Amino acid sequence: MRVLGIDPGSIRLGYGIVEKAAGNGLVAVTDGVVTLDPAMPFSERLFVISKRLNAVIEEFRPDAVAVESIFFAKNARSASILGHVRGVALLASAVYGLPLFEYTPKTVKLAATGYGNAEKAQMQKMIQLLLKTDAVPKADAADAMAVAICHINHHRPGLDANVGRG
């Protein structure tokens, strides 16, 4: 199973693909951060995010997409902006016919670190350990890979509710 995890953001969007290997091992396939200029019009930022996610899906062919859900926002404007970015991610999943799953930040942190209030540095270190990589991943990419790992750990074929369908 190969999962594209997405940590949505309008200035920095993290993505990471993790594959479940034989013997329940985890393998990092790719990861990255789409960094955007805050001065760029919002619609153009959404377009850049869309193009990058589509390119990642086309190149690495994940079996599913997992996205961090909105848990809270500092204000209504922040929630609205994040909702638009998440919409682009959800659309990419639908365009390629990929099942979509959503997980709260707390669930993701629990899956990656065993602690639902883990800090960014803790997440980065645990992702490095879980995926046995030499380099510590960037914070947003580590969060995205944690979302993918969370789905791999929670996935039960035939029992999952496919959030993006229906």
Protein backbone atom coordinates (compact mmCIF):
# COMPACT_ATOMS: atom_id res chain seq x y z
CA MET A 1 0.00 0.00 0.00
CA ARG A 2 1.33 3.41 -1.03
CA VAL A 3 -0.23 6.49 0.63
CA LEU A 4 0.12 10.16 -0.19
CA GLY A 5 -0.09 12.18 3.02
CA ILE A 6 -0.86 15.89 2.84
CA ASP A 7 -0.34 18.56 5.49
CA PRO A 8 -2.33 21.48 4.02
CA GLY A 9 -1.10 25.05 4.19
CA SER A 10 -1.47 28.11 1.98
CA ILE A 11 2.18 29.19 2.34
CA ARG A 12 3.80 25.78 2.98
CA LEU A 13 2.02 22.57 2.00
CA GLY A 14 3.77 19.37 3.02
CA TYR A 15 3.42 16.11 1.14
CA GLY A 16 4.92 12.70 1.58
CA ILE A 17 4.41 9.25 0.17
CA VAL A 18 4.95 6.29 2.44
CA GLU A 19 4.69 2.66 1.40
CA LYS A 20 3.91 -0.30 3.59
CA ALA A 21 6.60 -2.85 2.84
CA ALA A 22 6.79 -6.57 3.49
CA GLY A 23 6.79 -7.44 7.17
CA ASN A 24 4.88 -4.27 8.07
CA GLY A 25 7.94 -2.08 7.47
CA LEU A 26 7.52 1.48 6.25
CA VAL A 27 9.42 3.02 3.36
CA ALA A 28 9.68 6.72 2.47
CA VAL A 29 9.02 7.04 -1.27
CA THR A 30 9.18 10.83 -1.62
CA ASP A 31 8.45 13.97 0.31
CA GLY A 32 8.54 17.69 -0.14
CA VAL A 33 7.20 21.08 0.72
CA VAL A 34 5.42 23.39 -1.71
CA THR A 35 6.57 26.82 -0.54
CA LEU A 36 4.59 29.75 -1.87
CA ASP A 37 5.08 33.49 -1.81
CA PRO A 38 2.48 35.08 0.50
CA ALA A 39 2.38 38.07 -1.87
CA MET A 40 1.18 35.81 -4.70
CA PRO A 41 -2.59 36.04 -5.29
CA PHE A 42 -4.38 33.28 -3.38
CA SER A 43 -5.95 31.80 -6.53
CA GLU A 44 -2.47 31.43 -8.06
CA ARG A 45 -1.18 29.71 -4.92
CA LEU A 46 -4.06 27.23 -5.16
CA PHE A 47 -3.19 26.62 -8.82
CA VAL A 48 0.48 25.94 -7.97
CA ILE A 49 -0.58 23.53 -5.20
CA SER A 50 -2.91 21.75 -7.63
CA LYS A 51 -0.21 21.37 -10.27
CA ARG A 52 2.32 20.03 -7.75
CA LEU A 53 -0.07 17.52 -6.18
CA ASN A 54 -1.14 16.30 -9.62
CA ALA A 55 2.52 15.85 -10.63
CA VAL A 56 3.28 13.89 -7.45
CA ILE A 57 0.25 11.63 -7.98
CA GLU A 58 1.15 11.03 -11.63
CA GLU A 59 4.79 10.26 -10.88
CA PHE A 60 4.42 8.09 -7.78
CA ARG A 61 0.94 6.53 -8.23
CA PRO A 62 -0.28 6.29 -4.63
CA ASP A 63 -3.13 3.92 -3.74
CA ALA A 64 -4.81 6.38 -1.39
CA VAL A 65 -4.64 9.96 -0.15
CA ALA A 66 -4.72 10.94 3.53
CA VAL A 67 -5.20 14.56 4.57
CA GLU A 68 -4.97 16.24 7.93
CA SER A 69 -8.42 17.56 8.81
CA ILE A 70 -9.19 20.99 10.21
CA PHE A 71 -9.20 20.64 13.96
CA PHE A 72 -9.30 24.30 14.93
CA ALA A 73 -8.30 27.61 13.48
CA LYS A 74 -7.20 30.87 15.02
CA ASN A 75 -10.01 32.69 13.23
CA ALA A 76 -12.66 32.28 10.56
CA ARG A 77 -10.42 33.69 7.83
CA SER A 78 -7.66 31.16 8.61
CA ALA A 79 -10.21 28.32 8.57
CA SER A 80 -11.59 29.50 5.24
CA ILE A 81 -8.13 29.72 3.64
CA LEU A 82 -7.17 26.29 4.95
CA GLY A 83 -10.50 24.93 3.70
CA HIS A 84 -9.72 26.12 0.19
CA VAL A 85 -6.29 24.47 0.27
CA ARG A 86 -7.82 21.25 1.55
CA GLY A 87 -10.37 21.47 -1.27
CA VAL A 88 -7.55 21.45 -3.82
CA ALA A 89 -6.10 18.34 -2.17
CA LEU A 90 -9.50 16.64 -2.12
CA LEU A 91 -10.03 17.51 -5.78
CA ALA A 92 -6.65 15.98 -6.73
CA SER A 93 -7.72 12.77 -5.02
CA ALA A 94 -11.03 12.73 -6.89
CA VAL A 95 -9.48 13.54 -10.29
CA TYR A 96 -7.29 10.44 -10.03
CA GLY A 97 -10.02 8.26 -8.50
CA LEU A 98 -8.08 7.75 -5.29
CA PRO A 99 -9.81 6.97 -2.01
CA LEU A 100 -9.50 9.82 0.46
CA PHE A 101 -9.17 9.66 4.23
CA GLU A 102 -8.99 12.39 6.85
CA TYR A 103 -7.36 12.35 10.28
CA THR A 104 -7.28 14.93 13.05
CA PRO A 105 -3.90 16.39 14.02
CA LYS A 106 -4.12 14.66 17.40
CA THR A 107 -4.74 11.25 15.79
CA VAL A 108 -1.79 11.81 13.44
CA LYS A 109 0.53 12.77 16.31
CA LEU A 110 -0.57 9.75 18.33
CA ALA A 111 0.11 7.44 15.39
CA ALA A 112 3.58 8.88 14.80
CA THR A 113 4.84 9.59 18.31
CA GLY A 114 2.45 8.00 20.77
CA TYR A 115 1.73 11.49 22.15
CA GLY A 116 -1.19 13.56 20.83
CA ASN A 117 0.43 16.91 21.66
CA ALA A 118 3.85 16.26 20.13
CA GLU A 119 5.86 19.27 19.00
CA LYS A 120 7.20 19.70 15.44
CA ALA A 121 10.73 18.63 16.40
CA GLN A 122 9.39 15.44 18.04
CA MET A 123 7.39 14.65 14.89
CA GLN A 124 10.43 15.17 12.66
CA LYS A 125 12.64 12.91 14.78
CA MET A 126 10.03 10.13 15.01
CA ILE A 127 9.38 10.19 11.27
CA GLN A 128 13.12 9.94 10.69
CA LEU A 129 13.27 6.93 13.04
CA LEU A 130 10.13 5.22 11.70
CA LEU A 131 11.23 5.56 8.09
CA LYS A 132 14.92 4.92 8.85
CA THR A 133 16.11 7.94 6.87
CA ASP A 134 19.50 9.61 7.21
CA ALA A 135 18.21 13.17 7.09
CA VAL A 136 15.62 14.77 9.33
CA PRO A 137 12.68 15.73 7.08
CA LYS A 138 11.43 19.32 6.91
CA ALA A 139 8.65 19.95 9.43
CA ASP A 140 5.78 20.18 6.92
CA ALA A 141 6.98 17.11 5.00
CA ALA A 142 7.35 15.18 8.27
CA ASP A 143 3.77 16.10 9.20
CA ALA A 144 2.56 14.88 5.79
CA MET A 145 4.44 11.60 6.12
CA ALA A 146 2.93 11.21 9.59
CA VAL A 147 -0.53 11.55 8.02
CA ALA A 148 0.36 8.77 5.54
CA ILE A 149 1.71 6.57 8.36
CA CYS A 150 -1.43 7.23 10.37
CA HIS A 151 -3.55 5.93 7.49
CA ILE A 152 -1.36 2.88 7.00
CA ASN A 153 -1.70 2.09 10.72
CA HIS A 154 -5.48 2.62 10.75
CA HIS A 155 -6.33 1.08 7.37
CA ARG A 156 -8.57 -1.97 7.54
CA PRO A 157 -9.47 -3.20 4.04
CA GLY A 158 -13.21 -3.41 3.60
CA LEU A 159 -13.92 -1.56 6.86
CA ASP A 160 -12.69 1.95 6.05
CA ALA A 161 -15.20 4.71 5.49
CA ASN A 162 -14.05 6.38 2.30
CA VAL A 163 -14.46 10.03 3.22
CA GLY A 164 -14.16 11.38 -0.30
CA ARG A 165 -16.88 9.28 -1.94
CA GLY A 166 -20.59 9.00 -1.88
